[in-house]
């Protein structure tokens, strides 16, 4: 069980690194990177219980969708992440 949690956290760390290195302004500030890392650590158990089997972006989306079921520490860490800008409606 600990191995699968560590694997999930490692996968999230790799996906976060990949997102931070995207061209066209995909890189995050050191503050945002630190907030993401703190969230990964605080939410590791929540990822396992709420979003088992999901990785990368899918896992983050799952956790966001299940935020009301997350632990207090995870909710606190998520609240410290900057809000994502909303895309303008297509059409």
PDB file of N, CA and C in Angstrom:
ATOM      1  N   UNK A   1       0.824  -1.193   0.000  1.00  0.00           N
ATOM      2  CA  UNK A   1       0.000   0.000   0.000  1.00  0.00           C
ATOM      3  C   UNK A   1       0.866   1.254   0.000  1.00  0.00           C
ATOM      4  N   UNK A   2       1.900   1.273   0.835  1.00  0.00           N
ATOM      5  CA  UNK A   2       2.789   2.432   0.847  1.00  0.00           C
ATOM      6  C   UNK A   2       3.481   2.591  -0.500  1.00  0.00           C
ATOM      7  N   UNK A   3       3.792   1.475  -1.141  1.00  0.00           N
ATOM      8  CA  UNK A   3       4.445   1.538  -2.440  1.00  0.00           C
ATOM      9  C   UNK A   3       3.534   2.188  -3.462  1.00  0.00           C
ATOM     10  N   UNK A   4       2.250   1.862  -3.453  1.00  0.00           N
ATOM     11  CA  UNK A   4       1.335   2.456  -4.431  1.00  0.00           C
ATOM     12  C   UNK A   4       1.132   3.943  -4.160  1.00  0.00           C
ATOM     13  N   UNK A   5       1.117   4.341  -2.908  1.00  0.00           N
ATOM     14  CA  UNK A   5       1.014   5.771  -2.587  1.00  0.00           C
ATOM     15  C   UNK A   5       2.260   6.493  -3.080  1.00  0.00           C
ATOM     16  N   UNK A   6       3.415   5.900  -2.831  1.00  0.00           N
ATOM     17  CA  UNK A   6       4.658   6.520  -3.288  1.00  0.00           C
ATOM     18  C   UNK A   6       4.692   6.589  -4.811  1.00  0.00           C
ATOM     19  N   UNK A   7       4.196   5.554  -5.472  1.00  0.00           N
ATOM     20  CA  UNK A   7       4.162   5.557  -6.932  1.00  0.00           C
ATOM     21  C   UNK A   7       3.231   6.659  -7.432  1.00  0.00           C
ATOM     22  N   UNK A   8       2.111   6.851  -6.779  1.00  0.00           N
ATOM     23  CA  UNK A   8       1.177   7.901  -7.171  1.00  0.00           C
ATOM     24  C   UNK A   8       1.805   9.274  -6.977  1.00  0.00           C
ATOM     25  N   UNK A   9       2.436   9.479  -5.837  1.00  0.00           N
ATOM     26  CA  UNK A   9       3.089  10.757  -5.568  1.00  0.00           C
ATOM     27  C   UNK A   9       4.211  10.999  -6.578  1.00  0.00           C
ATOM     28  N   UNK A  10       4.984   9.961  -6.886  1.00  0.00           N
ATOM     29  CA  UNK A  10       6.057  10.104  -7.867  1.00  0.00           C
ATOM     30  C   UNK A  10       5.488  10.447  -9.240  1.00  0.00           C
ATOM     31  N   UNK A  11       4.397   9.787  -9.622  1.00  0.00           N
ATOM     32  CA  UNK A  11       3.771  10.080 -10.918  1.00  0.00           C
ATOM     33  C   UNK A  11       3.272  11.516 -10.963  1.00  0.00           C
ATOM     34  N   UNK A  12       2.723  11.987  -9.859  1.00  0.00           N
ATOM     35  CA  UNK A  12       2.243  13.362  -9.808  1.00  0.00           C
ATOM     36  C   UNK A  12       3.400  14.351  -9.872  1.00  0.00           C
ATOM     37  N   UNK A  13       4.501  14.013  -9.230  1.00  0.00           N
ATOM     38  CA  UNK A  13       5.674  14.878  -9.279  1.00  0.00           C
ATOM     39  C   UNK A  13       6.213  14.973 -10.698  1.00  0.00           C
ATOM     40  N   UNK A  14       6.250  13.844 -11.395  1.00  0.00           N
ATOM     41  CA  UNK A  14       6.726  13.833 -12.777  1.00  0.00           C
ATOM     42  C   UNK A  14       5.772  14.624 -13.657  1.00  0.00           C
ATOM     43  N   UNK A  15       4.479  14.438 -13.494  1.00  0.00           N
ATOM     44  CA  UNK A  15       3.519  15.168 -14.317  1.00  0.00           C
ATOM     45  C   UNK A  15       3.591  16.663 -14.027  1.00  0.00           C
ATOM     46  N   UNK A  16       3.795  17.028 -12.769  1.00  0.00           N
ATOM     47  CA  UNK A  16       3.941  18.439 -12.423  1.00  0.00           C
ATOM     48  C   UNK A  16       5.188  19.037 -13.043  1.00  0.00           C
ATOM     49  N   UNK A  17       6.266  18.263 -13.085  1.00  0.00           N
ATOM     50  CA  UNK A  17       7.494  18.731 -13.716  1.00  0.00           C
ATOM     51  C   UNK A  17       7.291  18.919 -15.208  1.00  0.00           C
ATOM     52  N   UNK A  18       6.583  18.004 -15.820  1.00  0.00           N
ATOM     53  CA  UNK A  18       6.330  18.109 -17.254  1.00  0.00           C
ATOM     54  C   UNK A  18       5.492  19.344 -17.559  1.00  0.00           C
ATOM     55  N   UNK A  19       4.491  19.612 -16.735  1.00  0.00           N
ATOM     56  CA  UNK A  19       3.663  20.795 -16.946  1.00  0.00           C
ATOM     57  C   UNK A  19       4.471  22.074 -16.757  1.00  0.00           C
ATOM     58  N   UNK A  20       5.360  22.078 -15.788  1.00  0.00           N
ATOM     59  CA  UNK A  20       6.158  23.265 -15.513  1.00  0.00           C
ATOM     60  C   UNK A  20       7.129  23.567 -16.637  1.00  0.00           C
ATOM     61  N   UNK A  21       7.467  22.581 -17.457  1.00  0.00           N
ATOM     62  CA  UNK A  21       8.444  22.765 -18.514  1.00  0.00           C
ATOM     63  C   UNK A  21       7.806  22.995 -19.881  1.00  0.00           C
ATOM     64  N   UNK A  22       6.492  23.129 -19.940  1.00  0.00           N
ATOM     65  CA  UNK A  22       5.831  23.328 -21.215  1.00  0.00           C
ATOM     66  C   UNK A  22       6.214  24.678 -21.789  1.00  0.00           C
ATOM     67  N   UNK A  23       6.428  24.738 -23.111  1.00  0.00           N
ATOM     68  CA  UNK A  23       6.718  26.022 -23.737  1.00  0.00           C
ATOM     69  C   UNK A  23       5.478  26.908 -23.747  1.00  0.00           C
ATOM     70  N   UNK A  24       5.687  28.191 -23.981  1.00  0.00           N
ATOM     71  CA  UNK A  24       4.560  29.102 -24.091  1.00  0.00           C
ATOM     72  C   UNK A  24       4.013  29.556 -22.751  1.00  0.00           C
ATOM     73  N   UNK A  25       4.853  29.674 -21.746  1.00  0.00           N
ATOM     74  CA  UNK A  25       4.402  30.188 -20.458  1.00  0.00           C
ATOM     75  C   UNK A  25       3.861  29.127 -19.530  1.00  0.00           C
ATOM     76  N   UNK A  26       4.109  27.835 -19.807  1.00  0.00           N
ATOM     77  CA  UNK A  26       3.612  26.769 -18.964  1.00  0.00           C
ATOM     78  C   UNK A  26       4.378  26.649 -17.665  1.00  0.00           C
ATOM     79  N   UNK A  27       5.543  27.323 -17.567  1.00  0.00           N
ATOM     80  CA  UNK A  27       6.355  27.233 -16.359  1.00  0.00           C
ATOM     81  C   UNK A  27       5.704  27.984 -15.218  1.00  0.00           C
ATOM     82  N   UNK A  28       5.754  27.397 -14.038  1.00  0.00           N
ATOM     83  CA  UNK A  28       5.146  28.021 -12.868  1.00  0.00           C
ATOM     84  C   UNK A  28       6.221  28.707 -12.035  1.00  0.00           C
ATOM     85  N   UNK A  29       5.815  29.702 -11.294  1.00  0.00           N
ATOM     86  CA  UNK A  29       6.732  30.403 -10.408  1.00  0.00           C
ATOM     87  C   UNK A  29       7.177  29.463  -9.293  1.00  0.00           C
ATOM     88  N   UNK A  30       8.282  29.780  -8.640  1.00  0.00           N
ATOM     89  CA  UNK A  30       8.728  28.944  -7.516  1.00  0.00           C
ATOM     90  C   UNK A  30       7.677  28.837  -6.415  1.00  0.00           C
ATOM     91  N   UNK A  31       6.896  29.893  -6.203  1.00  0.00           N
ATOM     92  CA  UNK A  31       5.855  29.865  -5.181  1.00  0.00           C
ATOM     93  C   UNK A  31       4.763  28.862  -5.552  1.00  0.00           C
ATOM     94  N   UNK A  32       4.370  28.865  -6.823  1.00  0.00           N
ATOM     95  CA  UNK A  32       3.332  27.935  -7.287  1.00  0.00           C
ATOM     96  C   UNK A  32       3.860  26.507  -7.225  1.00  0.00           C
ATOM     97  N   UNK A  33       5.112  26.309  -7.630  1.00  0.00           N
ATOM     98  CA  UNK A  33       5.711  24.976  -7.569  1.00  0.00           C
ATOM     99  C   UNK A  33       5.742  24.471  -6.130  1.00  0.00           C
ATOM    100  N   UNK A  34       6.090  25.341  -5.192  1.00  0.00           N
ATOM    101  CA  UNK A  34       6.130  24.949  -3.772  1.00  0.00           C
ATOM    102  C   UNK A  34       4.723  24.610  -3.266  1.00  0.00           C
ATOM    103  N   UNK A  35       3.721  25.375  -3.683  1.00  0.00           N
ATOM    104  CA  UNK A  35       2.342  25.100  -3.275  1.00  0.00           C
ATOM    105  C   UNK A  35       1.872  23.769  -3.844  1.00  0.00           C
ATOM    106  N   UNK A  36       2.246  23.482  -5.085  1.00  0.00           N
ATOM    107  CA  UNK A  36       1.880  22.198  -5.699  1.00  0.00           C
ATOM    108  C   UNK A  36       2.525  21.037  -4.951  1.00  0.00           C
ATOM    109  N   UNK A  37       3.794  21.186  -4.615  1.00  0.00           N
ATOM    110  CA  UNK A  37       4.492  20.118  -3.897  1.00  0.00           C
ATOM    111  C   UNK A  37       3.873  19.893  -2.521  1.00  0.00           C
ATOM    112  N   UNK A  38       3.554  20.971  -1.827  1.00  0.00           N
ATOM    113  CA  UNK A  38       2.917  20.855  -0.510  1.00  0.00           C
ATOM    114  C   UNK A  38       1.560  20.158  -0.646  1.00  0.00           C
ATOM    115  N   UNK A  39       0.829  20.468  -1.720  1.00  0.00           N
ATOM    116  CA  UNK A  39      -0.459  19.829  -1.941  1.00  0.00           C
ATOM    117  C   UNK A  39      -0.280  18.345  -2.230  1.00  0.00           C
ATOM    118  N   UNK A  40       0.712  17.992  -3.041  1.00  0.00           N
ATOM    119  CA  UNK A  40       0.970  16.569  -3.330  1.00  0.00           C
ATOM    120  C   UNK A  40       1.237  15.799  -2.042  1.00  0.00           C
ATOM    121  N   UNK A  41       2.035  16.385  -1.162  1.00  0.00           N
ATOM    122  CA  UNK A  41       2.388  15.716   0.084  1.00  0.00           C
ATOM    123  C   UNK A  41       1.185  15.616   1.023  1.00  0.00           C
ATOM    124  N   UNK A  42       0.445  16.722   1.155  1.00  0.00           N
ATOM    125  CA  UNK A  42      -0.700  16.736   2.069  1.00  0.00           C
ATOM    126  C   UNK A  42      -1.842  15.853   1.573  1.00  0.00           C
ATOM    127  N   UNK A  43      -1.922  15.658   0.265  1.00  0.00           N
ATOM    128  CA  UNK A  43      -3.055  14.924  -0.315  1.00  0.00           C
ATOM    129  C   UNK A  43      -2.705  13.510  -0.766  1.00  0.00           C
ATOM    130  N   UNK A  44      -1.525  13.022  -0.444  1.00  0.00           N
ATOM    131  CA  UNK A  44      -1.109  11.695  -0.928  1.00  0.00           C
ATOM    132  C   UNK A  44      -2.119  10.617  -0.530  1.00  0.00           C
ATOM    133  N   UNK A  45      -2.551  10.605   0.714  1.00  0.00           N
ATOM    134  CA  UNK A  45      -3.519   9.590   1.166  1.00  0.00           C
ATOM    135  C   UNK A  45      -4.882   9.810   0.507  1.00  0.00           C
ATOM    136  N   UNK A  46      -5.247  11.068   0.289  1.00  0.00           N
ATOM    137  CA  UNK A  46      -6.524  11.376  -0.356  1.00  0.00           C
ATOM    138  C   UNK A  46      -6.525  10.922  -1.812  1.00  0.00           C
ATOM    139  N   UNK A  47      -5.393  11.100  -2.502  1.00  0.00           N
ATOM    140  CA  UNK A  47      -5.283  10.591  -3.870  1.00  0.00           C
ATOM    141  C   UNK A  47      -5.547   9.091  -3.881  1.00  0.00           C
ATOM    142  N   UNK A  48      -4.969   8.400  -2.907  1.00  0.00           N
ATOM    143  CA  UNK A  48      -5.096   6.943  -2.850  1.00  0.00           C
ATOM    144  C   UNK A  48      -6.546   6.521  -2.586  1.00  0.00           C
ATOM    145  N   UNK A  49      -7.185   7.154  -1.640  1.00  0.00           N
ATOM    146  CA  UNK A  49      -8.543   6.726  -1.284  1.00  0.00           C
ATOM    147  C   UNK A  49      -9.604   7.255  -2.241  1.00  0.00           C
ATOM    148  N   UNK A  50      -9.444   8.462  -2.739  1.00  0.00           N
ATOM    149  CA  UNK A  50     -10.481   9.068  -3.573  1.00  0.00           C
ATOM    150  C   UNK A  50     -10.260   8.876  -5.068  1.00  0.00           C
ATOM    151  N   UNK A  51      -9.007   8.706  -5.482  1.00  0.00           N
ATOM    152  CA  UNK A  51      -8.687   8.711  -6.916  1.00  0.00           C
ATOM    153  C   UNK A  51      -7.736   7.580  -7.280  1.00  0.00           C
ATOM    154  N   UNK A  52      -7.868   6.448  -6.626  1.00  0.00           N
ATOM    155  CA  UNK A  52      -6.978   5.313  -6.863  1.00  0.00           C
ATOM    156  C   UNK A  52      -7.010   4.905  -8.336  1.00  0.00           C
ATOM    157  N   UNK A  53      -5.842   4.692  -8.899  1.00  0.00           N
ATOM    158  CA  UNK A  53      -5.727   4.259 -10.282  1.00  0.00           C
ATOM    159  C   UNK A  53      -5.601   5.403 -11.273  1.00  0.00           C
ATOM    160  N   UNK A  54      -5.820   6.617 -10.847  1.00  0.00           N
ATOM    161  CA  UNK A  54      -5.698   7.767 -11.742  1.00  0.00           C
ATOM    162  C   UNK A  54      -4.311   8.374 -11.565  1.00  0.00           C
ATOM    163  N   UNK A  55      -3.803   8.964 -12.631  1.00  0.00           N
ATOM    164  CA  UNK A  55      -2.471   9.551 -12.575  1.00  0.00           C
ATOM    165  C   UNK A  55      -2.472  10.908 -13.262  1.00  0.00           C
ATOM    166  N   UNK A  56      -1.455  11.693 -12.938  1.00  0.00           N
ATOM    167  CA  UNK A  56      -1.250  12.980 -13.599  1.00  0.00           C
ATOM    168  C   UNK A  56      -2.444  13.905 -13.482  1.00  0.00           C
ATOM    169  N   UNK A  57      -2.769  14.528 -14.609  1.00  0.00           N
ATOM    170  CA  UNK A  57      -3.860  15.506 -14.646  1.00  0.00           C
ATOM    171  C   UNK A  57      -5.185  14.884 -14.209  1.00  0.00           C
ATOM    172  N   UNK A  58      -5.415  13.651 -14.630  1.00  0.00           N
ATOM    173  CA  UNK A  58      -6.661  12.962 -14.270  1.00  0.00           C
ATOM    174  C   UNK A  58      -6.789  12.850 -12.747  1.00  0.00           C
ATOM    175  N   UNK A  59      -5.684  12.575 -12.062  1.00  0.00           N
ATOM    176  CA  UNK A  59      -5.712  12.467 -10.599  1.00  0.00           C
ATOM    177  C   UNK A  59      -6.001  13.818  -9.959  1.00  0.00           C
ATOM    178  N   UNK A  60      -5.392  14.884 -10.478  1.00  0.00           N
ATOM    179  CA  UNK A  60      -5.647  16.215  -9.933  1.00  0.00           C
ATOM    180  C   UNK A  60      -7.100  16.616 -10.152  1.00  0.00           C
ATOM    181  N   UNK A  61      -7.641  16.326 -11.333  1.00  0.00           N
ATOM    182  CA  UNK A  61      -9.038  16.649 -11.615  1.00  0.00           C
ATOM    183  C   UNK A  61      -9.969  15.865 -10.686  1.00  0.00           C
ATOM    184  N   UNK A  62      -9.640  14.590 -10.467  1.00  0.00           N
ATOM    185  CA  UNK A  62     -10.430  13.748  -9.575  1.00  0.00           C
ATOM    186  C   UNK A  62     -10.431  14.332  -8.166  1.00  0.00           C
ATOM    187  N   UNK A  63      -9.261  14.724  -7.693  1.00  0.00           N
ATOM    188  CA  UNK A  63      -9.173  15.270  -6.342  1.00  0.00           C
ATOM    189  C   UNK A  63      -9.963  16.571  -6.239  1.00  0.00           C
ATOM    190  N   UNK A  64      -9.873  17.402  -7.251  1.00  0.00           N
ATOM    191  CA  UNK A  64     -10.636  18.649  -7.259  1.00  0.00           C
ATOM    192  C   UNK A  64     -12.140  18.362  -7.204  1.00  0.00           C
ATOM    193  N   UNK A  65     -12.584  17.350  -7.969  1.00  0.00           N
ATOM    194  CA  UNK A  65     -13.999  16.991  -8.003  1.00  0.00           C
ATOM    195  C   UNK A  65     -14.471  16.401  -6.659  1.00  0.00           C
ATOM    196  N   UNK A  66     -13.544  15.818  -5.903  1.00  0.00           N
ATOM    197  CA  UNK A  66     -13.873  15.193  -4.618  1.00  0.00           C
ATOM    198  C   UNK A  66     -13.345  15.995  -3.433  1.00  0.00           C
ATOM    199  N   UNK A  67     -13.130  17.271  -3.627  1.00  0.00           N
ATOM    200  CA  UNK A  67     -12.527  18.109  -2.587  1.00  0.00           C
ATOM    201  C   UNK A  67     -13.337  18.092  -1.294  1.00  0.00           C
ATOM    202  N   UNK A  68     -14.653  17.962  -1.404  1.00  0.00           N
ATOM    203  CA  UNK A  68     -15.484  17.948  -0.199  1.00  0.00           C
ATOM    204  C   UNK A  68     -15.241  16.707   0.655  1.00  0.00           C
ATOM    205  N   UNK A  69     -14.673  15.655   0.060  1.00  0.00           N
ATOM    206  CA  UNK A  69     -14.390  14.415   0.791  1.00  0.00           C
ATOM    207  C   UNK A  69     -12.937  14.341   1.260  1.00  0.00           C
ATOM    208  N   UNK A  70     -12.116  15.308   0.874  1.00  0.00           N
ATOM    209  CA  UNK A  70     -10.686  15.289   1.196  1.00  0.00           C
ATOM    210  C   UNK A  70     -10.455  15.620   2.672  1.00  0.00           C
ATOM    211  N   UNK A  71      -9.281  15.239   3.163  1.00  0.00           N
ATOM    212  CA  UNK A  71      -8.905  15.537   4.551  1.00  0.00           C
ATOM    213  C   UNK A  71      -8.731  17.040   4.738  1.00  0.00           C
ATOM    214  N   UNK A  72      -8.766  17.472   5.970  1.00  0.00           N
ATOM    215  CA  UNK A  72      -8.609  18.895   6.282  1.00  0.00           C
ATOM    216  C   UNK A  72      -7.254  19.416   5.803  1.00  0.00           C
ATOM    217  N   UNK A  73      -6.188  18.625   5.992  1.00  0.00           N
ATOM    218  CA  UNK A  73      -4.853  19.054   5.564  1.00  0.00           C
ATOM    219  C   UNK A  73      -4.794  19.209   4.049  1.00  0.00           C
ATOM    220  N   UNK A  74      -5.435  18.294   3.342  1.00  0.00           N
ATOM    221  CA  UNK A  74      -5.461  18.362   1.889  1.00  0.00           C
ATOM    222  C   UNK A  74      -6.260  19.579   1.424  1.00  0.00           C
ATOM    223  N   UNK A  75      -7.420  19.808   2.025  1.00  0.00           N
ATOM    224  CA  UNK A  75      -8.229  20.973   1.671  1.00  0.00           C
ATOM    225  C   UNK A  75      -7.453  22.262   1.895  1.00  0.00           C
ATOM    226  N   UNK A  76      -6.733  22.324   3.014  1.00  0.00           N
ATOM    227  CA  UNK A  76      -5.937  23.510   3.324  1.00  0.00           C
ATOM    228  C   UNK A  76      -4.854  23.720   2.267  1.00  0.00           C
ATOM    229  N   UNK A  77      -4.172  22.642   1.883  1.00  0.00           N
ATOM    230  CA  UNK A  77      -3.120  22.747   0.874  1.00  0.00           C
ATOM    231  C   UNK A  77      -3.705  23.154  -0.480  1.00  0.00           C
ATOM    232  N   UNK A  78      -4.862  22.597  -0.834  1.00  0.00           N
ATOM    233  CA  UNK A  78      -5.493  22.959  -2.110  1.00  0.00           C
ATOM    234  C   UNK A  78      -5.913  24.423  -2.119  1.00  0.00           C
ATOM    235  N   UNK A  79      -6.337  24.938  -0.969  1.00  0.00           N
ATOM    236  CA  UNK A  79      -6.787  26.331  -0.907  1.00  0.00           C
ATOM    237  C   UNK A  79      -5.636  27.309  -1.129  1.00  0.00           C
ATOM    238  N   UNK A  80      -4.411  26.845  -0.938  1.00  0.00           N
ATOM    239  CA  UNK A  80      -3.247  27.714  -1.109  1.00  0.00           C
ATOM    240  C   UNK A  80      -2.731  27.744  -2.545  1.00  0.00           C
ATOM    241  N   UNK A  81      -3.281  26.880  -3.399  1.00  0.00           N
ATOM    242  CA  UNK A  81      -2.904  26.915  -4.805  1.00  0.00           C
ATOM    243  C   UNK A  81      -3.600  28.092  -5.468  1.00  0.00           C
ATOM    244  N   UNK A  82      -2.897  28.782  -6.365  1.00  0.00           N
ATOM    245  CA  UNK A  82      -3.558  29.888  -7.065  1.00  0.00           C
ATOM    246  C   UNK A  82      -4.677  29.354  -7.954  1.00  0.00           C
ATOM    247  N   UNK A  83      -5.713  30.125  -8.113  1.00  0.00           N
ATOM    248  CA  UNK A  83      -6.839  29.735  -8.968  1.00  0.00           C
ATOM    249  C   UNK A  83      -6.371  29.682 -10.416  1.00  0.00           C
ATOM    250  N   UNK A  84      -6.889  28.699 -11.129  1.00  0.00           N
ATOM    251  CA  UNK A  84      -6.556  28.574 -12.549  1.00  0.00           C
ATOM    252  C   UNK A  84      -7.449  29.530 -13.333  1.00  0.00           C
ATOM    253  N   UNK A  85      -6.878  30.232 -14.319  1.00  0.00           N
ATOM    254  CA  UNK A  85      -7.729  31.111 -15.127  1.00  0.00           C
ATOM    255  C   UNK A  85      -8.723  30.295 -15.939  1.00  0.00           C
ATOM    256  N   UNK A  86      -9.921  30.822 -16.063  1.00  0.00           N
ATOM    257  CA  UNK A  86     -10.960  30.154 -16.829  1.00  0.00           C
ATOM    258  C   UNK A  86     -10.773  30.462 -18.310  1.00  0.00           C
ATOM    259  N   UNK A  87     -10.923  29.443 -19.149  1.00  0.00           N
ATOM    260  CA  UNK A  87     -10.829  29.640 -20.595  1.00  0.00           C
ATOM    261  C   UNK A  87     -12.101  30.319 -21.070  1.00  0.00           C
ATOM    262  N   UNK A  88     -11.957  31.228 -22.059  1.00  0.00           N
ATOM    263  CA  UNK A  88     -13.165  31.867 -22.578  1.00  0.00           C
ATOM    264  C   UNK A  88     -14.045  30.838 -23.280  1.00  0.00           C
ATOM    265  N   UNK A  89     -15.356  31.012 -23.245  1.00  0.00           N
ATOM    266  CA  UNK A  89     -16.246  30.055 -23.888  1.00  0.00           C
ATOM    267  C   UNK A  89     -15.991  29.981 -25.392  1.00  0.00           C
ATOM    268  N   UNK A  90     -16.013  28.784 -25.923  1.00  0.00           N
ATOM    269  CA  UNK A  90     -15.806  28.604 -27.359  1.00  0.00           C
ATOM    270  C   UNK A  90     -17.056  29.003 -28.113  1.00  0.00           C
ATOM    271  N   UNK A  91     -16.839  29.561 -29.283  1.00  0.00           N
ATOM    272  CA  UNK A  91     -18.012  29.835 -30.112  1.00  0.00           C
ATOM    273  C   UNK A  91     -18.233  31.223 -30.329  1.00  0.00           C
TER     274      UNK A  91
END
